[in-house]
Amino acid sequence: MVDKIKQLREKTCASVTDCKKALDEATGDLEKAAEILRHRGADLASKKSIRQTNQGIIEAYIHNSGKVGVLLELNCETDFVARNEMFKQLAHDLAMQVAAMSPEYLDATGISAEVIEEEKNIYREQLVDSGKPQNIIEQIIEGKIAKRNSEICLLDQPFVKDQDYSVREIINSYIGKIGENIKVGRFVRYEI
């Protein structure tokens, strides 16, 4: 059991107590225990989301080609966490995400209603001669909008280091590990 706790702790960075509880709940299955810890992180993130994030760091990332650079503000609740190596690693990973995936928005709330309506009109024009009923066309359009948001919104993008999770899920897992609210404040990407 000690070896499994150690493996789970290395994989998730969760506390020994949390790893032991998750393994007990998963009857020793490492993958199931990791999933339990991920869900606990998401639950904790939703509880902590109302807390103020007045501390944090600015992460600068320059891609090795020297042609892409990113500045990213990552906020947390305390200066103690802002100095934490795990928090700094998250900031670095998120800056690399912005460099690699070039998101236009933090999340879908940043997209104006006009831009969304323009996109919907484009999709409607594409589907006008499809012969599908109007309600099906509207469902297809909503699906296309959701897919587009997952491409242009940082928090909805698949995480570059693990495509099984979105950036939002990765941040939530760090909230669970660190125990504080974490938010991306803003970012800017430069490219030559």
Foldseek 3Di string as FASTA:
>chain_A
DVVLLVVLCVVQVADSVLLVVLCVVVVNDSVSSNVVLLVVLLVLQVVQVVPDFPDADWDWDAPPVNFKIKTWTKTWNDPVVNPDPVRVVLNVQLRVLCRVQVAPAQAPVPDDPVVLVVQLVVQCVVCVPVPDDPVVSVVVSVVVSLVVRCRRHQQNDQRPVGNVDGSVSVQSSVCSNVVIHMDTPDMDMGGD
